[in-house]
Amino acid sequence: MSKTINVNLQLQRHHIYTIRNINNYSIEEFNTRLSYESWDSIFSCNGNIDTDTLCHLFHNNYLRIFYTSFPSRKIIERSNNNSWLTPDIRISCKRKRCLYLLTKVSDDDILKKYYKQYCKTLTSVIKEAKKYMYNNRIINSTYKMKTTWNMVKAETNRLKGTITTTINNNQNSPEAFNKYFFVNN
């Protein structure tokens, strides 16, 4: 008898990619290293080595210089779940930051009072935007309880994303569970 079981596995939602910093200084360094490289090992072979081997030697030397001149860095791009953050709220947050900086250098009580009131207003706007977003998610969801708990987990940083794996019988459940936890550690 075959029974279908859904197992929710957590997965981190971020992308890792590598970049190379190529600027005027690194380009100049690359050119200098290329000019100081001795290419005698490639050009002094009088027909003793075939063309493919010469090409590989040249390519390896070139890449060695390239990788040292332009080292790679890993960048982690985390996806945030701030769909409530509208362009208007972003502008208001920037304005709040400017007001904060002004209040730090100024002794004007009216400005400080205005800043406090602006902060209260912005806080209430952000609360309403979050409430609106969460209500829409719950209303549009087919599994309202599951959606609610996923939102709670996301707000408390306990949810990293879920993948649903379907298992066709009870015998495979432990295998899938072990495979996930032993492969992803």
C-alpha atoms as a PDB file:
ATOM      1  CA  MET A   1       0.000   0.000   0.000  1.00  0.00           C
ATOM      2  CA  SER A   2       1.503   3.286  -1.136  1.00  0.00           C
ATOM      3  CA  LYS A   3       0.913   6.393   0.947  1.00  0.00           C
ATOM      4  CA  THR A   4       1.951   9.936   0.037  1.00  0.00           C
ATOM      5  CA  ILE A   5       3.737  11.981   2.696  1.00  0.00           C
ATOM      6  CA  ASN A   6       4.813  15.610   2.379  1.00  0.00           C
ATOM      7  CA  VAL A   7       8.022  16.528   4.170  1.00  0.00           C
ATOM      8  CA  ASN A   8       8.948  20.204   4.442  1.00  0.00           C
ATOM      9  CA  LEU A   9      12.683  20.737   4.293  1.00  0.00           C
ATOM     10  CA  GLN A  10      14.237  24.096   5.056  1.00  0.00           C
ATOM     11  CA  LEU A  11      16.507  25.787   2.537  1.00  0.00           C
ATOM     12  CA  GLN A  12      18.342  29.065   2.823  1.00  0.00           C
ATOM     13  CA  ARG A  13      17.143  31.736   0.423  1.00  0.00           C
ATOM     14  CA  HIS A  14      20.251  33.522  -0.665  1.00  0.00           C
ATOM     15  CA  HIS A  15      22.420  33.532  -3.709  1.00  0.00           C
ATOM     16  CA  ILE A  16      26.186  33.221  -3.616  1.00  0.00           C
ATOM     17  CA  TYR A  17      28.120  34.536  -6.564  1.00  0.00           C
ATOM     18  CA  THR A  18      31.693  35.605  -7.185  1.00  0.00           C
ATOM     19  CA  ILE A  19      32.887  38.913  -8.534  1.00  0.00           C
ATOM     20  CA  ARG A  20      36.257  40.329  -9.524  1.00  0.00           C
ATOM     21  CA  ASN A  21      37.208  43.882  -8.712  1.00  0.00           C
ATOM     22  CA  ILE A  22      38.487  45.339 -11.979  1.00  0.00           C
ATOM     23  CA  ASN A  23      39.552  48.958 -11.644  1.00  0.00           C
ATOM     24  CA  ASN A  24      42.352  51.155 -13.007  1.00  0.00           C
ATOM     25  CA  TYR A  25      44.811  50.050 -10.333  1.00  0.00           C
ATOM     26  CA  SER A  26      44.220  46.315 -10.880  1.00  0.00           C
ATOM     27  CA  ILE A  27      44.406  46.740 -14.671  1.00  0.00           C
ATOM     28  CA  GLU A  28      47.738  48.526 -14.309  1.00  0.00           C
ATOM     29  CA  GLU A  29      48.985  45.773 -12.014  1.00  0.00           C
ATOM     30  CA  PHE A  30      47.865  43.154 -14.523  1.00  0.00           C
ATOM     31  CA  ASN A  31      49.720  44.915 -17.370  1.00  0.00           C
ATOM     32  CA  THR A  32      52.862  45.191 -15.248  1.00  0.00           C
ATOM     33  CA  ARG A  33      52.796  41.516 -14.316  1.00  0.00           C
ATOM     34  CA  LEU A  34      52.278  40.557 -17.951  1.00  0.00           C
ATOM     35  CA  SER A  35      55.256  42.681 -18.988  1.00  0.00           C
ATOM     36  CA  TYR A  36      57.533  41.064 -16.373  1.00  0.00           C
ATOM     37  CA  GLU A  37      56.457  37.526 -17.242  1.00  0.00           C
ATOM     38  CA  SER A  38      59.120  35.468 -18.954  1.00  0.00           C
ATOM     39  CA  TRP A  39      57.551  33.748 -21.935  1.00  0.00           C
ATOM     40  CA  ASP A  40      60.765  31.844 -22.764  1.00  0.00           C
ATOM     41  CA  SER A  41      59.255  28.492 -21.757  1.00  0.00           C
ATOM     42  CA  ILE A  42      56.682  28.895 -24.512  1.00  0.00           C
ATOM     43  CA  PHE A  43      58.682  30.531 -27.299  1.00  0.00           C
ATOM     44  CA  SER A  44      61.926  28.594 -26.834  1.00  0.00           C
ATOM     45  CA  CYS A  45      60.378  25.228 -27.747  1.00  0.00           C
ATOM     46  CA  ASN A  46      61.799  24.590 -31.230  1.00  0.00           C
ATOM     47  CA  GLY A  47      59.117  22.264 -32.484  1.00  0.00           C
ATOM     48  CA  ASN A  48      59.645  19.826 -29.577  1.00  0.00           C
ATOM     49  CA  ILE A  49      56.133  20.368 -28.210  1.00  0.00           C
ATOM     50  CA  ASP A  50      52.912  20.312 -30.190  1.00  0.00           C
ATOM     51  CA  THR A  51      50.716  23.390 -30.638  1.00  0.00           C
ATOM     52  CA  ASP A  52      48.070  22.286 -28.135  1.00  0.00           C
ATOM     53  CA  THR A  53      50.631  21.973 -25.351  1.00  0.00           C
ATOM     54  CA  LEU A  54      52.074  25.413 -26.174  1.00  0.00           C
ATOM     55  CA  CYS A  55      48.598  26.888 -26.103  1.00  0.00           C
ATOM     56  CA  HIS A  56      47.917  25.287 -22.698  1.00  0.00           C
ATOM     57  CA  LEU A  57      51.216  26.601 -21.304  1.00  0.00           C
ATOM     58  CA  PHE A  58      50.434  30.109 -22.503  1.00  0.00           C
ATOM     59  CA  HIS A  59      46.864  29.895 -21.198  1.00  0.00           C
ATOM     60  CA  ASN A  60      47.979  28.666 -17.753  1.00  0.00           C
ATOM     61  CA  ASN A  61      50.548  31.464 -17.403  1.00  0.00           C
ATOM     62  CA  TYR A  62      48.045  34.061 -18.516  1.00  0.00           C
ATOM     63  CA  LEU A  63      45.334  32.803 -16.129  1.00  0.00           C
ATOM     64  CA  ARG A  64      47.781  32.673 -13.207  1.00  0.00           C
ATOM     65  CA  ILE A  65      48.574  36.353 -13.737  1.00  0.00           C
ATOM     66  CA  PHE A  66      44.907  37.208 -14.282  1.00  0.00           C
ATOM     67  CA  TYR A  67      43.769  35.465 -11.085  1.00  0.00           C
ATOM     68  CA  THR A  68      46.460  37.120  -8.973  1.00  0.00           C
ATOM     69  CA  SER A  69      45.736  40.578 -10.418  1.00  0.00           C
ATOM     70  CA  PHE A  70      41.969  40.264 -10.187  1.00  0.00           C
ATOM     71  CA  PRO A  71      41.201  38.074  -7.160  1.00  0.00           C
ATOM     72  CA  SER A  72      37.646  36.818  -6.799  1.00  0.00           C
ATOM     73  CA  ARG A  73      35.372  37.582  -3.870  1.00  0.00           C
ATOM     74  CA  LYS A  74      32.246  35.747  -2.850  1.00  0.00           C
ATOM     75  CA  ILE A  75      29.170  37.881  -2.455  1.00  0.00           C
ATOM     76  CA  ILE A  76      26.150  36.606  -0.575  1.00  0.00           C
ATOM     77  CA  GLU A  77      22.916  38.181  -1.641  1.00  0.00           C
ATOM     78  CA  ARG A  78      20.221  37.475   0.865  1.00  0.00           C
ATOM     79  CA  SER A  79      16.674  37.842  -0.210  1.00  0.00           C
ATOM     80  CA  ASN A  80      14.672  39.848   2.249  1.00  0.00           C
ATOM     81  CA  ASN A  81      10.976  39.549   2.658  1.00  0.00           C
ATOM     82  CA  ASN A  82      10.159  43.233   2.918  1.00  0.00           C
ATOM     83  CA  SER A  83       7.377  43.462   0.386  1.00  0.00           C
ATOM     84  CA  TRP A  84       5.737  46.006   2.701  1.00  0.00           C
ATOM     85  CA  LEU A  85       8.643  48.380   2.047  1.00  0.00           C
ATOM     86  CA  THR A  86       7.250  50.691  -0.603  1.00  0.00           C
ATOM     87  CA  PRO A  87       9.228  53.420  -2.405  1.00  0.00           C
ATOM     88  CA  ASP A  88       7.397  56.036  -0.348  1.00  0.00           C
ATOM     89  CA  ILE A  89       8.431  54.373   2.913  1.00  0.00           C
ATOM     90  CA  ARG A  90      12.026  54.240   1.683  1.00  0.00           C
ATOM     91  CA  ILE A  91      11.925  57.969   0.958  1.00  0.00           C
ATOM     92  CA  SER A  92      10.438  58.630   4.388  1.00  0.00           C
ATOM     93  CA  CYS A  93      13.182  56.566   6.048  1.00  0.00           C
ATOM     94  CA  LYS A  94      15.835  58.610   4.234  1.00  0.00           C
ATOM     95  CA  ARG A  95      14.111  61.806   5.331  1.00  0.00           C
ATOM     96  CA  LYS A  96      14.009  60.521   8.906  1.00  0.00           C
ATOM     97  CA  ARG A  97      17.758  59.866   8.751  1.00  0.00           C
ATOM     98  CA  CYS A  98      18.391  63.421   7.494  1.00  0.00           C
ATOM     99  CA  LEU A  99      16.223  64.824  10.258  1.00  0.00           C
ATOM    100  CA  TYR A 100      18.119  62.732  12.798  1.00  0.00           C
ATOM    101  CA  LEU A 101      21.428  64.135  11.628  1.00  0.00           C
ATOM    102  CA  LEU A 102      20.033  67.662  11.777  1.00  0.00           C
ATOM    103  CA  THR A 103      18.777  67.211  15.333  1.00  0.00           C
ATOM    104  CA  LYS A 104      22.208  65.998  16.432  1.00  0.00           C
ATOM    105  CA  VAL A 105      23.922  69.211  15.369  1.00  0.00           C
ATOM    106  CA  SER A 106      21.079  71.600  16.188  1.00  0.00           C
ATOM    107  CA  ASP A 107      19.720  72.808  19.520  1.00  0.00           C
ATOM    108  CA  ASP A 108      16.383  73.812  18.024  1.00  0.00           C
ATOM    109  CA  ASP A 109      13.576  72.372  20.187  1.00  0.00           C
ATOM    110  CA  ILE A 110      10.990  72.775  17.424  1.00  0.00           C
ATOM    111  CA  LEU A 111      13.130  70.648  15.076  1.00  0.00           C
ATOM    112  CA  LYS A 112      13.542  67.960  17.741  1.00  0.00           C
ATOM    113  CA  LYS A 113       9.804  67.947  18.393  1.00  0.00           C
ATOM    114  CA  TYR A 114       9.136  67.680  14.662  1.00  0.00           C
ATOM    115  CA  TYR A 115      11.631  64.781  14.417  1.00  0.00           C
ATOM    116  CA  LYS A 116       9.898  62.879  17.243  1.00  0.00           C
ATOM    117  CA  GLN A 117       6.502  63.380  15.631  1.00  0.00           C
ATOM    118  CA  TYR A 118       7.888  62.289  12.236  1.00  0.00           C
ATOM    119  CA  CYS A 119       9.281  59.106  13.846  1.00  0.00           C
ATOM    120  CA  LYS A 120       5.914  58.289  15.432  1.00  0.00           C
ATOM    121  CA  THR A 121       4.096  58.843  12.155  1.00  0.00           C
ATOM    122  CA  LEU A 122       6.593  56.746  10.185  1.00  0.00           C
ATOM    123  CA  THR A 123       6.368  53.937  12.749  1.00  0.00           C
ATOM    124  CA  SER A 124       2.583  53.855  12.463  1.00  0.00           C
ATOM    125  CA  VAL A 125       2.782  53.888   8.642  1.00  0.00           C
ATOM    126  CA  ILE A 126       5.230  50.955   8.697  1.00  0.00           C
ATOM    127  CA  LYS A 127       2.982  49.010  11.099  1.00  0.00           C
ATOM    128  CA  GLU A 128      -0.022  49.568   8.845  1.00  0.00           C
ATOM    129  CA  ALA A 129       1.935  48.541   5.734  1.00  0.00           C
ATOM    130  CA  LYS A 130       3.056  45.309   7.438  1.00  0.00           C
ATOM    131  CA  LYS A 131      -0.461  44.622   8.684  1.00  0.00           C
ATOM    132  CA  TYR A 132      -1.850  45.141   5.173  1.00  0.00           C
ATOM    133  CA  MET A 133       0.770  42.827   3.628  1.00  0.00           C
ATOM    134  CA  TYR A 134       0.212  40.067   6.205  1.00  0.00           C
ATOM    135  CA  ASN A 135      -3.568  40.291   5.944  1.00  0.00           C
ATOM    136  CA  ASN A 136      -3.367  39.962   2.150  1.00  0.00           C
ATOM    137  CA  ARG A 137      -1.112  36.924   2.455  1.00  0.00           C
ATOM    138  CA  ILE A 138      -3.492  35.216   4.860  1.00  0.00           C
ATOM    139  CA  ILE A 139      -6.599  36.082   2.843  1.00  0.00           C
ATOM    140  CA  ASN A 140      -5.058  34.834  -0.429  1.00  0.00           C
ATOM    141  CA  SER A 141      -3.668  31.654   1.132  1.00  0.00           C
ATOM    142  CA  THR A 142      -5.274  28.243   0.784  1.00  0.00           C
ATOM    143  CA  TYR A 143      -3.707  26.999   4.057  1.00  0.00           C
ATOM    144  CA  LYS A 144      -4.258  29.914   6.397  1.00  0.00           C
ATOM    145  CA  MET A 145      -2.753  28.309   9.523  1.00  0.00           C
ATOM    146  CA  LYS A 146       0.394  27.201   7.710  1.00  0.00           C
ATOM    147  CA  THR A 147       0.807  30.643   6.129  1.00  0.00           C
ATOM    148  CA  THR A 148       0.364  32.303   9.521  1.00  0.00           C
ATOM    149  CA  TRP A 149       3.006  30.107  11.150  1.00  0.00           C
ATOM    150  CA  ASN A 150       5.412  30.647   8.265  1.00  0.00           C
ATOM    151  CA  MET A 151       5.005  34.408   8.717  1.00  0.00           C
ATOM    152  CA  VAL A 152       5.662  34.089  12.454  1.00  0.00           C
ATOM    153  CA  LYS A 153       8.762  32.006  11.755  1.00  0.00           C
ATOM    154  CA  ALA A 154       9.958  34.515   9.157  1.00  0.00           C
ATOM    155  CA  GLU A 155       9.548  37.426  11.584  1.00  0.00           C
ATOM    156  CA  THR A 156      11.464  35.557  14.292  1.00  0.00           C
ATOM    157  CA  ASN A 157      14.185  34.500  11.801  1.00  0.00           C
ATOM    158  CA  ARG A 158      13.409  30.812  12.140  1.00  0.00           C
ATOM    159  CA  LEU A 159      12.266  30.254   8.568  1.00  0.00           C
ATOM    160  CA  LYS A 160      14.884  30.012   5.837  1.00  0.00           C
ATOM    161  CA  GLY A 161      12.507  28.816   3.130  1.00  0.00           C
ATOM    162  CA  THR A 162      10.853  25.480   2.590  1.00  0.00           C
ATOM    163  CA  ILE A 163      11.019  22.826  -0.043  1.00  0.00           C
ATOM    164  CA  THR A 164       8.269  20.258  -0.133  1.00  0.00           C
ATOM    165  CA  THR A 165       9.414  16.747  -0.976  1.00  0.00           C
ATOM    166  CA  THR A 166       6.821  14.098  -1.698  1.00  0.00           C
ATOM    167  CA  ILE A 167       7.578  10.564  -0.565  1.00  0.00           C
ATOM    168  CA  ASN A 168       5.478   7.738  -1.981  1.00  0.00           C
ATOM    169  CA  ASN A 169       5.574   5.232   0.853  1.00  0.00           C
ATOM    170  CA  ASN A 170       6.449   4.983   4.514  1.00  0.00           C
ATOM    171  CA  GLN A 171       9.601   2.947   3.897  1.00  0.00           C
ATOM    172  CA  ASN A 172      11.309   5.837   2.075  1.00  0.00           C
ATOM    173  CA  SER A 173      10.581   8.451   4.762  1.00  0.00           C
ATOM    174  CA  PRO A 174      13.664   7.762   6.912  1.00  0.00           C
ATOM    175  CA  GLU A 175      15.859   7.537   3.821  1.00  0.00           C
ATOM    176  CA  ALA A 176      14.756  10.948   2.559  1.00  0.00           C
ATOM    177  CA  PHE A 177      15.110  12.432   6.035  1.00  0.00           C
ATOM    178  CA  ASN A 178      18.647  11.035   6.454  1.00  0.00           C
ATOM    179  CA  LYS A 179      19.632  12.001   2.921  1.00  0.00           C
ATOM    180  CA  TYR A 180      18.611  15.602   3.510  1.00  0.00           C
ATOM    181  CA  PHE A 181      20.346  15.983   6.861  1.00  0.00           C
ATOM    182  CA  PHE A 182      23.527  14.128   5.943  1.00  0.00           C
ATOM    183  CA  VAL A 183      23.942  15.759   2.514  1.00  0.00           C
ATOM    184  CA  ASN A 184      23.276  19.319   3.709  1.00  0.00           C
ATOM    185  CA  ASN A 185      25.585  19.266   6.743  1.00  0.00           C
END
